[in-house]
Amino acid sequence: MSSMYRENQQSVEVSDTKYDESDGSLLINNLIYEMPKSLSLAVNRTNSLQYPQRSTYAVSRNTTVVFDWNTGNAFIDPANSFLKFKMVASGVAAVAPPTFGSGSALNLLHEIRIRSRSGTELDRVENFNLYKKFVNDYTRTQQWKNTVGASFFLDSATPIFNNGNTLRTEVCIPLTEVATFFCLLKNN
């Protein structure tokens, strides 16, 4: 009978490598586990600018602004990304400069469509300007409106443009405000 059972001999010696208590089962079996090197470690941070297909657009209901983003395999952090543009108004009366009233510069956007390179639609919002008006009214704090919202004239009754014949102003809209596609976190 004793020939059927063989005793396996094991070495219970442990290496002189320091481990914490959570590695107890590894120590007993004299195993060493090493974490593989991360393949997605960011080694540098750069500023990337993406431009629309045309350099100027006239505001009308049928105007479509198209961006082709060539990001390759780079990680783009939408929380730190913005849609930035300059608005120009010509021939505006100095008596009553235009405002967005209780809206914002998001009123300039009517429909948002995001497509992949293959043409698959990833996100779409119709009547975007109206939708964002109510979302921002009911979900954003006054502090957020006064800081982040001020960059795109949220609830700003102050004139958008300074007085003059040709008026220019810069608008900066966070990408997380442009589409839910860019909201990586639930609270954005």
N, C-alpha and C. Protein backbone atom coordinates (compact mmCIF):
# COMPACT_ATOMS: atom_id res chain seq x y z
N MET A 1 0.81 -1.19 0.00
CA MET A 1 0.00 0.00 0.00
C MET A 1 0.85 1.25 0.00
N SER A 2 1.96 1.20 0.67
CA SER A 2 2.78 2.38 0.78
C SER A 2 3.37 2.78 -0.56
N SER A 3 3.48 1.87 -1.50
CA SER A 3 4.03 2.22 -2.81
C SER A 3 3.04 3.06 -3.64
N MET A 4 1.73 2.97 -3.33
CA MET A 4 0.74 3.74 -4.07
C MET A 4 0.79 5.22 -3.72
N TYR A 5 1.11 5.49 -2.51
CA TYR A 5 1.13 6.89 -2.08
C TYR A 5 2.56 7.39 -2.02
N ARG A 6 2.81 8.44 -2.68
CA ARG A 6 4.12 9.07 -2.62
C ARG A 6 4.00 10.37 -1.87
N GLU A 7 4.94 10.62 -1.11
CA GLU A 7 4.94 11.90 -0.43
C GLU A 7 5.69 12.90 -1.27
N ASN A 8 5.07 14.03 -1.45
CA ASN A 8 5.73 15.11 -2.17
C ASN A 8 6.50 15.94 -1.17
N GLN A 9 7.71 16.19 -1.47
CA GLN A 9 8.50 17.01 -0.60
C GLN A 9 8.44 18.45 -1.09
N GLN A 10 8.22 19.33 -0.18
CA GLN A 10 8.14 20.75 -0.53
C GLN A 10 9.15 21.51 0.30
N SER A 11 9.67 22.51 -0.30
CA SER A 11 10.57 23.39 0.41
C SER A 11 9.74 24.50 1.03
N VAL A 12 9.92 24.70 2.31
CA VAL A 12 9.18 25.76 2.99
C VAL A 12 10.07 26.96 3.25
N GLU A 13 11.23 26.96 2.63
CA GLU A 13 12.10 28.11 2.78
C GLU A 13 11.50 29.28 2.00
N VAL A 14 11.64 30.43 2.57
CA VAL A 14 11.14 31.62 1.89
C VAL A 14 12.31 32.51 1.52
N SER A 15 12.11 33.25 0.49
CA SER A 15 13.19 34.15 0.06
C SER A 15 13.29 35.31 1.03
N ASP A 16 14.37 36.05 0.92
CA ASP A 16 14.58 37.17 1.84
C ASP A 16 13.92 38.46 1.36
N THR A 17 13.03 38.36 0.36
CA THR A 17 12.30 39.52 -0.13
C THR A 17 11.25 39.91 0.89
N LYS A 18 11.09 41.21 1.12
CA LYS A 18 10.12 41.68 2.12
C LYS A 18 8.72 41.74 1.51
N TYR A 19 7.76 41.21 2.22
CA TYR A 19 6.36 41.22 1.80
C TYR A 19 5.53 41.73 2.95
N ASP A 20 4.36 42.23 2.65
CA ASP A 20 3.45 42.61 3.73
C ASP A 20 2.58 41.41 4.09
N GLU A 21 1.73 41.56 5.08
CA GLU A 21 0.94 40.43 5.59
C GLU A 21 -0.07 39.91 4.58
N SER A 22 -0.49 40.74 3.63
CA SER A 22 -1.48 40.29 2.66
C SER A 22 -0.89 39.27 1.69
N ASP A 23 0.42 39.15 1.66
CA ASP A 23 1.07 38.18 0.78
C ASP A 23 1.35 36.86 1.50
N GLY A 24 0.64 36.58 2.57
CA GLY A 24 0.89 35.39 3.38
C GLY A 24 0.79 34.09 2.61
N SER A 25 -0.23 33.93 1.76
CA SER A 25 -0.38 32.69 1.01
C SER A 25 0.73 32.53 -0.02
N LEU A 26 1.25 33.63 -0.49
CA LEU A 26 2.37 33.54 -1.42
C LEU A 26 3.63 33.09 -0.70
N LEU A 27 3.81 33.55 0.53
CA LEU A 27 4.99 33.16 1.30
C LEU A 27 4.97 31.68 1.65
N ILE A 28 3.84 31.18 2.03
CA ILE A 28 3.75 29.78 2.43
C ILE A 28 4.13 28.86 1.27
N ASN A 29 3.70 29.23 0.08
CA ASN A 29 3.99 28.40 -1.10
C ASN A 29 5.25 28.81 -1.83
N ASN A 30 6.01 29.75 -1.25
CA ASN A 30 7.26 30.23 -1.82
C ASN A 30 7.06 30.74 -3.25
N LEU A 31 5.99 31.51 -3.43
CA LEU A 31 5.70 32.07 -4.73
C LEU A 31 5.97 33.57 -4.71
N ILE A 32 6.41 34.07 -5.81
CA ILE A 32 6.62 35.51 -5.96
C ILE A 32 5.79 35.96 -7.15
N TYR A 33 4.93 36.94 -6.92
CA TYR A 33 4.08 37.46 -7.99
C TYR A 33 4.51 38.88 -8.30
N GLU A 34 4.75 39.14 -9.55
CA GLU A 34 5.12 40.48 -9.98
C GLU A 34 4.02 41.01 -10.89
N MET A 35 3.62 42.24 -10.64
CA MET A 35 2.60 42.88 -11.49
C MET A 35 3.21 43.16 -12.85
N PRO A 36 2.46 42.89 -13.91
CA PRO A 36 2.98 43.23 -15.24
C PRO A 36 3.06 44.74 -15.40
N LYS A 37 3.93 45.18 -16.27
CA LYS A 37 4.08 46.61 -16.51
C LYS A 37 2.82 47.13 -17.19
N SER A 38 2.40 48.31 -16.78
CA SER A 38 1.22 48.92 -17.34
C SER A 38 1.47 49.32 -18.79
N LEU A 39 0.51 49.00 -19.65
CA LEU A 39 0.66 49.35 -21.06
C LEU A 39 0.08 50.72 -21.37
N SER A 40 -0.66 51.30 -20.43
CA SER A 40 -1.32 52.56 -20.72
C SER A 40 -0.83 53.70 -19.83
N LEU A 41 0.38 53.64 -19.42
CA LEU A 41 0.92 54.68 -18.57
C LEU A 41 1.21 55.92 -19.40
N ALA A 42 0.64 57.03 -18.99
CA ALA A 42 0.89 58.29 -19.69
C ALA A 42 2.25 58.81 -19.29
N VAL A 43 3.06 59.10 -20.27
CA VAL A 43 4.40 59.58 -19.97
C VAL A 43 4.55 61.08 -20.20
N ASN A 44 3.64 61.68 -20.97
CA ASN A 44 3.70 63.12 -21.15
C ASN A 44 2.30 63.65 -21.43
N ARG A 45 2.17 64.94 -21.31
CA ARG A 45 0.88 65.59 -21.52
C ARG A 45 1.09 66.70 -22.55
N THR A 46 0.30 66.67 -23.58
CA THR A 46 0.44 67.67 -24.63
C THR A 46 -0.90 68.32 -24.92
N ASN A 47 -0.83 69.49 -25.47
CA ASN A 47 -2.02 70.22 -25.88
C ASN A 47 -2.28 69.89 -27.34
N SER A 48 -3.48 69.46 -27.65
CA SER A 48 -3.83 69.09 -29.01
C SER A 48 -4.96 69.99 -29.50
N LEU A 49 -4.79 70.55 -30.67
CA LEU A 49 -5.82 71.39 -31.26
C LEU A 49 -6.44 70.67 -32.45
N GLN A 50 -7.76 70.63 -32.49
CA GLN A 50 -8.48 70.03 -33.60
C GLN A 50 -9.34 71.14 -34.22
N TYR A 51 -9.36 71.23 -35.52
CA TYR A 51 -10.06 72.31 -36.20
C TYR A 51 -11.22 71.77 -37.02
N PRO A 52 -12.26 72.62 -37.22
CA PRO A 52 -13.37 72.18 -38.09
C PRO A 52 -12.92 72.17 -39.55
N GLN A 53 -13.77 71.64 -40.42
CA GLN A 53 -13.41 71.54 -41.82
C GLN A 53 -13.28 72.90 -42.49
N ARG A 54 -14.07 73.88 -42.06
CA ARG A 54 -13.96 75.24 -42.59
C ARG A 54 -13.54 76.18 -41.46
N SER A 55 -12.96 77.30 -41.82
CA SER A 55 -12.48 78.22 -40.79
C SER A 55 -13.55 79.19 -40.31
N THR A 56 -14.58 79.47 -41.11
CA THR A 56 -15.65 80.38 -40.69
C THR A 56 -17.01 79.78 -41.04
N TYR A 57 -17.98 80.10 -40.21
CA TYR A 57 -19.35 79.63 -40.41
C TYR A 57 -20.30 80.78 -40.13
N ALA A 58 -21.35 80.87 -40.94
CA ALA A 58 -22.40 81.87 -40.71
C ALA A 58 -23.49 81.20 -39.90
N VAL A 59 -24.08 81.94 -38.97
CA VAL A 59 -25.12 81.37 -38.12
C VAL A 59 -26.42 81.32 -38.91
N SER A 60 -26.90 80.12 -39.10
CA SER A 60 -28.23 79.88 -39.68
C SER A 60 -28.65 78.48 -39.25
N ARG A 61 -29.90 78.19 -39.40
CA ARG A 61 -30.42 76.90 -38.95
C ARG A 61 -29.84 75.73 -39.74
N ASN A 62 -29.42 75.95 -40.97
CA ASN A 62 -28.95 74.85 -41.81
C ASN A 62 -27.43 74.75 -41.88
N THR A 63 -26.72 75.48 -41.06
CA THR A 63 -25.26 75.41 -41.07
C THR A 63 -24.79 74.22 -40.23
N THR A 64 -23.91 73.43 -40.82
CA THR A 64 -23.36 72.28 -40.11
C THR A 64 -21.86 72.48 -39.94
N VAL A 65 -21.39 72.39 -38.71
CA VAL A 65 -19.96 72.47 -38.42
C VAL A 65 -19.47 71.04 -38.23
N VAL A 66 -18.45 70.67 -38.96
CA VAL A 66 -17.94 69.29 -38.93
C VAL A 66 -16.50 69.29 -38.42
N PHE A 67 -16.25 68.47 -37.42
CA PHE A 67 -14.90 68.24 -36.91
C PHE A 67 -14.51 66.81 -37.24
N ASP A 68 -13.36 66.62 -37.81
CA ASP A 68 -12.77 65.29 -37.98
C ASP A 68 -11.61 65.21 -37.01
N TRP A 69 -11.80 64.47 -35.93
CA TRP A 69 -10.76 64.40 -34.90
C TRP A 69 -9.80 63.27 -35.22
N ASN A 70 -8.55 63.62 -35.35
CA ASN A 70 -7.50 62.65 -35.63
C ASN A 70 -6.68 62.45 -34.37
N THR A 71 -7.23 61.71 -33.45
CA THR A 71 -6.56 61.52 -32.16
C THR A 71 -5.69 60.27 -32.14
N GLY A 72 -5.87 59.39 -33.10
CA GLY A 72 -5.07 58.16 -33.12
C GLY A 72 -5.31 57.35 -31.87
N ASN A 73 -4.25 56.91 -31.22
CA ASN A 73 -4.40 56.12 -30.00
C ASN A 73 -4.16 56.98 -28.76
N ALA A 74 -4.17 58.29 -28.91
CA ALA A 74 -3.96 59.19 -27.78
C ALA A 74 -5.20 59.23 -26.90
N PHE A 75 -5.00 59.35 -25.60
CA PHE A 75 -6.11 59.50 -24.67
C PHE A 75 -6.47 60.98 -24.59
N ILE A 76 -7.71 61.30 -24.87
CA ILE A 76 -8.20 62.67 -24.77
C ILE A 76 -9.08 62.74 -23.53
N ASP A 77 -8.76 63.64 -22.63
CA ASP A 77 -9.53 63.80 -21.40
C ASP A 77 -10.64 64.83 -21.66
N PRO A 78 -11.89 64.38 -21.81
CA PRO A 78 -12.97 65.32 -22.13
C PRO A 78 -13.23 66.33 -21.02
N ALA A 79 -12.88 65.99 -19.78
CA ALA A 79 -13.10 66.93 -18.68
C ALA A 79 -12.18 68.14 -18.80
N ASN A 80 -11.09 68.01 -19.53
CA ASN A 80 -10.16 69.12 -19.73
C ASN A 80 -10.15 69.60 -21.17
N SER A 81 -11.20 69.29 -21.94
CA SER A 81 -11.26 69.67 -23.35
C SER A 81 -12.42 70.63 -23.58
N PHE A 82 -12.24 71.52 -24.54
CA PHE A 82 -13.21 72.57 -24.77
C PHE A 82 -13.45 72.79 -26.26
N LEU A 83 -14.64 73.28 -26.57
CA LEU A 83 -14.97 73.79 -27.89
C LEU A 83 -14.82 75.29 -27.78
N LYS A 84 -13.83 75.83 -28.45
CA LYS A 84 -13.51 77.24 -28.32
C LYS A 84 -13.65 77.91 -29.67
N PHE A 85 -14.37 79.03 -29.71
CA PHE A 85 -14.54 79.76 -30.96
C PHE A 85 -14.78 81.23 -30.69
N LYS A 86 -14.61 82.02 -31.74
CA LYS A 86 -14.86 83.46 -31.65
C LYS A 86 -16.12 83.78 -32.43
N MET A 87 -16.95 84.62 -31.82
CA MET A 87 -18.16 85.09 -32.49
C MET A 87 -17.92 86.51 -32.98
N VAL A 88 -18.40 86.80 -34.16
CA VAL A 88 -18.27 88.14 -34.73
C VAL A 88 -19.66 88.59 -35.16
N ALA A 89 -20.04 89.79 -34.74
CA ALA A 89 -21.32 90.37 -35.15
C ALA A 89 -21.03 91.67 -35.88
N SER A 90 -21.60 91.81 -37.05
CA SER A 90 -21.38 93.03 -37.83
C SER A 90 -22.67 93.85 -37.88
N GLY A 91 -22.52 95.16 -37.80
CA GLY A 91 -23.67 96.05 -37.93
C GLY A 91 -24.63 95.99 -36.76
N VAL A 92 -24.16 95.63 -35.57
CA VAL A 92 -25.02 95.55 -34.39
C VAL A 92 -25.23 96.96 -33.85
N ALA A 93 -26.45 97.27 -33.54
CA ALA A 93 -26.76 98.60 -33.00
C ALA A 93 -26.12 98.77 -31.63
N ALA A 94 -25.51 99.91 -31.43
CA ALA A 94 -24.85 100.19 -30.16
C ALA A 94 -25.86 100.41 -29.04
N VAL A 95 -27.12 100.65 -29.39
CA VAL A 95 -28.14 100.92 -28.39
C VAL A 95 -28.50 99.65 -27.61
N ALA A 96 -28.70 98.55 -28.32
CA ALA A 96 -29.11 97.30 -27.67
C ALA A 96 -28.24 96.15 -28.17
N PRO A 97 -27.05 95.97 -27.58
CA PRO A 97 -26.21 94.83 -27.99
C PRO A 97 -26.90 93.51 -27.67
N PRO A 98 -26.66 92.48 -28.46
CA PRO A 98 -27.35 91.19 -28.26
C PRO A 98 -26.89 90.47 -26.99
N THR A 99 -27.78 89.67 -26.43
CA THR A 99 -27.47 88.79 -25.29
C THR A 99 -28.08 87.42 -25.58
N PHE A 100 -27.72 86.44 -24.79
CA PHE A 100 -28.36 85.13 -24.89
C PHE A 100 -29.54 85.03 -23.92
N GLY A 101 -29.80 86.07 -23.18
CA GLY A 101 -30.93 86.08 -22.24
C GLY A 101 -30.75 85.05 -21.16
N SER A 102 -31.76 84.18 -20.99
CA SER A 102 -31.67 83.15 -19.96
C SER A 102 -31.02 81.87 -20.49
N GLY A 103 -30.53 81.92 -21.73
CA GLY A 103 -29.85 80.77 -22.30
C GLY A 103 -28.35 80.92 -22.18
N SER A 104 -27.64 80.49 -23.22
CA SER A 104 -26.18 80.57 -23.24
C SER A 104 -25.72 80.44 -24.68
N ALA A 105 -24.42 80.36 -24.87
CA ALA A 105 -23.88 80.15 -26.22
C ALA A 105 -24.26 78.78 -26.76
N LEU A 106 -24.76 77.92 -25.90
CA LEU A 106 -25.26 76.62 -26.37
C LEU A 106 -26.48 76.79 -27.26
N ASN A 107 -27.11 77.98 -27.23
CA ASN A 107 -28.24 78.26 -28.11
C ASN A 107 -27.83 78.25 -29.58
N LEU A 108 -26.55 78.41 -29.85
CA LEU A 108 -26.07 78.39 -31.22
C LEU A 108 -26.06 76.98 -31.81
N LEU A 109 -26.13 75.96 -30.95
CA LEU A 109 -26.07 74.57 -31.38
C LEU A 109 -27.48 73.98 -31.33
N HIS A 110 -27.93 73.44 -32.45
CA HIS A 110 -29.28 72.86 -32.49
C HIS A 110 -29.25 71.33 -32.41
N GLU A 111 -28.34 70.71 -33.14
CA GLU A 111 -28.25 69.25 -33.14
C GLU A 111 -26.80 68.83 -33.03
N ILE A 112 -26.55 67.84 -32.20
CA ILE A 112 -25.20 67.29 -32.01
C ILE A 112 -25.22 65.85 -32.49
N ARG A 113 -24.31 65.51 -33.39
CA ARG A 113 -24.16 64.13 -33.86
C ARG A 113 -22.70 63.75 -33.76
N ILE A 114 -22.42 62.62 -33.15
CA ILE A 114 -21.05 62.11 -33.06
C ILE A 114 -21.02 60.75 -33.74
N ARG A 115 -20.12 60.63 -34.70
CA ARG A 115 -20.00 59.39 -35.47
C ARG A 115 -18.57 58.87 -35.38
N SER A 116 -18.45 57.57 -35.44
CA SER A 116 -17.11 56.95 -35.48
C SER A 116 -16.57 57.05 -36.90
N ARG A 117 -15.35 56.65 -37.07
CA ARG A 117 -14.73 56.70 -38.40
C ARG A 117 -15.50 55.84 -39.39
N SER A 118 -16.06 54.73 -38.93
CA SER A 118 -16.79 53.84 -39.82
C SER A 118 -18.20 54.33 -40.12
N GLY A 119 -18.63 55.42 -39.46
CA GLY A 119 -19.96 55.97 -39.73
C GLY A 119 -21.01 55.57 -38.71
N THR A 120 -20.64 54.77 -37.73
CA THR A 120 -21.58 54.38 -36.69
C THR A 120 -21.90 55.58 -35.81
N GLU A 121 -23.18 55.82 -35.61
CA GLU A 121 -23.58 56.95 -34.77
C GLU A 121 -23.40 56.60 -33.30
N LEU A 122 -22.60 57.39 -32.60
CA LEU A 122 -22.30 57.14 -31.20
C LEU A 122 -23.17 57.95 -30.26
N ASP A 123 -23.58 59.13 -30.70
CA ASP A 123 -24.42 60.01 -29.86
C ASP A 123 -25.15 60.98 -30.77
N ARG A 124 -26.39 61.31 -30.38
CA ARG A 124 -27.18 62.31 -31.11
C ARG A 124 -28.12 62.99 -30.12
N VAL A 125 -28.16 64.31 -30.21
CA VAL A 125 -29.10 65.10 -29.41
C VAL A 125 -29.74 66.10 -30.34
N GLU A 126 -31.05 66.03 -30.47
CA GLU A 126 -31.79 67.01 -31.27
C GLU A 126 -32.41 68.03 -30.33
N ASN A 127 -32.64 69.23 -30.82
CA ASN A 127 -33.12 70.35 -30.00
C ASN A 127 -32.18 70.55 -28.81
N PHE A 128 -30.91 70.48 -29.10
CA PHE A 128 -29.87 70.54 -28.08
C PHE A 128 -29.96 71.80 -27.24
N ASN A 129 -30.19 72.94 -27.88
CA ASN A 129 -30.23 74.21 -27.17
C ASN A 129 -31.32 74.22 -26.10
N LEU A 130 -32.48 73.73 -26.41
CA LEU A 130 -33.58 73.67 -25.44
C LEU A 130 -33.29 72.65 -24.35
N TYR A 131 -32.78 71.50 -24.74
CA TYR A 131 -32.45 70.44 -23.78
C TYR A 131 -31.43 70.94 -22.75
N LYS A 132 -30.35 71.59 -23.22
CA LYS A 132 -29.31 72.04 -22.29
C LYS A 132 -29.79 73.18 -21.41
N LYS A 133 -30.72 73.98 -21.89
CA LYS A 133 -31.28 75.06 -21.07
C LYS A 133 -31.91 74.46 -19.82
N PHE A 134 -32.73 73.44 -20.00
CA PHE A 134 -33.41 72.83 -18.85
C PHE A 134 -32.46 71.99 -18.00
N VAL A 135 -31.54 71.28 -18.61
CA VAL A 135 -30.57 70.49 -17.85
C VAL A 135 -29.75 71.40 -16.95
N ASN A 136 -29.25 72.49 -17.50
CA ASN A 136 -28.42 73.40 -16.70
C ASN A 136 -29.23 74.12 -15.64
N ASP A 137 -30.49 74.45 -15.93
CA ASP A 137 -31.33 75.12 -14.93
C ASP A 137 -31.59 74.23 -13.72
N TYR A 138 -31.79 72.93 -13.95
CA TYR A 138 -32.22 72.05 -12.87
C TYR A 138 -31.12 71.19 -12.25
N THR A 139 -29.95 71.13 -12.87
CA THR A 139 -28.91 70.25 -12.32
C THR A 139 -27.65 70.98 -11.90
N ARG A 140 -27.48 72.22 -12.26
CA ARG A 140 -26.24 72.93 -11.95
C ARG A 140 -26.44 73.90 -10.79
N THR A 141 -25.41 74.00 -9.97
CA THR A 141 -25.45 74.93 -8.84
C THR A 141 -25.16 76.35 -9.33
N GLN A 142 -25.50 77.31 -8.51
CA GLN A 142 -25.24 78.70 -8.88
C GLN A 142 -23.74 78.96 -8.97
N GLN A 143 -22.96 78.32 -8.12
CA GLN A 143 -21.51 78.48 -8.17
C GLN A 143 -20.96 77.98 -9.51
N TRP A 144 -21.44 76.83 -9.97
CA TRP A 144 -21.01 76.28 -11.26
C TRP A 144 -21.40 77.24 -12.38
N LYS A 145 -22.60 77.76 -12.32
CA LYS A 145 -23.06 78.69 -13.35
C LYS A 145 -22.20 79.95 -13.38
N ASN A 146 -21.78 80.43 -12.21
CA ASN A 146 -20.98 81.65 -12.15
C ASN A 146 -19.53 81.44 -12.57
N THR A 147 -19.05 80.21 -12.53
CA THR A 147 -17.65 79.95 -12.88
C THR A 147 -17.55 79.29 -14.25
N VAL A 148 -17.90 78.02 -14.34
CA VAL A 148 -17.80 77.29 -15.61
C VAL A 148 -18.80 77.84 -16.62
N GLY A 149 -20.03 78.07 -16.18
CA GLY A 149 -21.07 78.58 -17.08
C GLY A 149 -20.76 79.95 -17.65
N ALA A 150 -20.00 80.74 -16.92
CA ALA A 150 -19.64 82.08 -17.40
C ALA A 150 -18.79 82.02 -18.67
N SER A 151 -18.06 80.92 -18.87
CA SER A 151 -17.21 80.80 -20.06
C SER A 151 -18.02 80.69 -21.35
N PHE A 152 -19.30 80.32 -21.23
CA PHE A 152 -20.16 80.28 -22.41
C PHE A 152 -21.46 81.07 -22.19
N PHE A 153 -21.37 82.10 -21.33
CA PHE A 153 -22.44 83.08 -21.11
C PHE A 153 -23.74 82.46 -20.60
N LEU A 154 -23.65 81.49 -19.72
CA LEU A 154 -24.84 80.85 -19.16
C LEU A 154 -25.59 81.83 -18.28
N ASP A 155 -26.86 82.00 -18.53
CA ASP A 155 -27.75 82.91 -17.77
C ASP A 155 -27.17 84.31 -17.66
N SER A 156 -26.49 84.74 -18.68
CA SER A 156 -25.86 86.05 -18.64
C SER A 156 -26.74 87.06 -19.37
N ALA A 157 -27.28 87.99 -18.62
CA ALA A 157 -28.08 89.05 -19.23
C ALA A 157 -27.21 90.21 -19.67
N THR A 158 -25.91 90.12 -19.37
CA THR A 158 -24.99 91.18 -19.81
C THR A 158 -24.76 91.03 -21.31
N PRO A 159 -24.49 92.11 -21.99
CA PRO A 159 -24.27 92.04 -23.44
C PRO A 159 -23.11 91.12 -23.79
N ILE A 160 -23.30 90.35 -24.85
CA ILE A 160 -22.28 89.43 -25.30
C ILE A 160 -21.12 90.19 -25.92
N PHE A 161 -21.45 91.23 -26.67
CA PHE A 161 -20.46 92.00 -27.40
C PHE A 161 -20.31 93.38 -26.79
N ASN A 162 -19.15 93.95 -26.94
CA ASN A 162 -18.95 95.35 -26.55
C ASN A 162 -19.60 96.24 -27.61
N ASN A 163 -19.83 97.47 -27.27
CA ASN A 163 -20.40 98.39 -28.24
C ASN A 163 -19.41 98.66 -29.38
N GLY A 164 -19.95 98.84 -30.57
CA GLY A 164 -19.12 99.11 -31.73
C GLY A 164 -19.77 98.56 -32.97
N ASN A 165 -19.14 98.78 -34.10
CA ASN A 165 -19.71 98.34 -35.37
C ASN A 165 -19.46 96.86 -35.62
N THR A 166 -18.19 96.41 -35.51
CA THR A 166 -17.86 95.00 -35.65
C THR A 166 -17.47 94.49 -34.27
N LEU A 167 -18.21 93.51 -33.80
CA LEU A 167 -18.05 93.06 -32.43
C LEU A 167 -17.52 91.63 -32.40
N ARG A 168 -16.57 91.36 -31.51
CA ARG A 168 -15.97 90.03 -31.39
C ARG A 168 -15.98 89.61 -29.93
N THR A 169 -16.21 88.35 -29.70
CA THR A 169 -16.08 87.78 -28.37
C THR A 169 -15.71 86.31 -28.49
N GLU A 170 -15.03 85.79 -27.47
CA GLU A 170 -14.59 84.40 -27.48
C GLU A 170 -15.48 83.57 -26.56
N VAL A 171 -15.80 82.37 -27.02
CA VAL A 171 -16.65 81.45 -26.26
C VAL A 171 -15.87 80.17 -26.02
N CYS A 172 -15.98 79.64 -24.82
CA CYS A 172 -15.28 78.40 -24.45
C CYS A 172 -16.28 77.46 -23.78
N ILE A 173 -16.67 76.40 -24.47
CA ILE A 173 -17.68 75.45 -23.97
C ILE A 173 -17.00 74.13 -23.63
N PRO A 174 -17.11 73.65 -22.39
CA PRO A 174 -16.53 72.34 -22.06
C PRO A 174 -17.18 71.23 -22.89
N LEU A 175 -16.38 70.26 -23.34
CA LEU A 175 -16.94 69.17 -24.14
C LEU A 175 -17.98 68.37 -23.37
N THR A 176 -17.87 68.34 -22.07
CA THR A 176 -18.87 67.62 -21.27
C THR A 176 -20.23 68.29 -21.36
N GLU A 177 -20.27 69.57 -21.76
CA GLU A 177 -21.54 70.27 -21.98
C GLU A 177 -22.06 70.06 -23.39
N VAL A 178 -21.19 69.69 -24.31
CA VAL A 178 -21.59 69.55 -25.71
C VAL A 178 -22.34 68.24 -25.94
N ALA A 179 -21.91 67.16 -25.31
CA ALA A 179 -22.57 65.86 -25.51
C ALA A 179 -22.32 64.95 -24.32
N THR A 180 -23.30 64.11 -24.03
CA THR A 180 -23.14 63.15 -22.94
C THR A 180 -22.08 62.10 -23.28
N PHE A 181 -21.77 61.95 -24.55
CA PHE A 181 -20.71 61.05 -24.99
C PHE A 181 -19.39 61.36 -24.30
N PHE A 182 -19.16 62.63 -23.99
CA PHE A 182 -17.91 63.06 -23.38
C PHE A 182 -17.93 63.00 -21.86
N CYS A 183 -19.04 62.62 -21.27
CA CYS A 183 -19.13 62.54 -19.81
C CYS A 183 -18.67 61.17 -19.36
N LEU A 184 -17.43 61.09 -18.90
CA LEU A 184 -16.89 59.81 -18.47
C LEU A 184 -17.39 59.42 -17.09
N LEU A 185 -17.71 60.40 -16.28
CA LEU A 185 -18.19 60.16 -14.93
C LEU A 185 -19.68 60.41 -14.85
N LYS A 186 -20.33 59.72 -13.96
CA LYS A 186 -21.79 59.82 -13.84
C LYS A 186 -22.24 61.22 -13.46
N ASN A 187 -21.46 61.94 -12.66
CA ASN A 187 -21.88 63.25 -12.15
C ASN A 187 -21.65 64.38 -13.13
N ASN A 188 -21.06 64.17 -14.28
CA ASN A 188 -20.81 65.26 -15.25
C ASN A 188 -22.03 65.60 -16.02
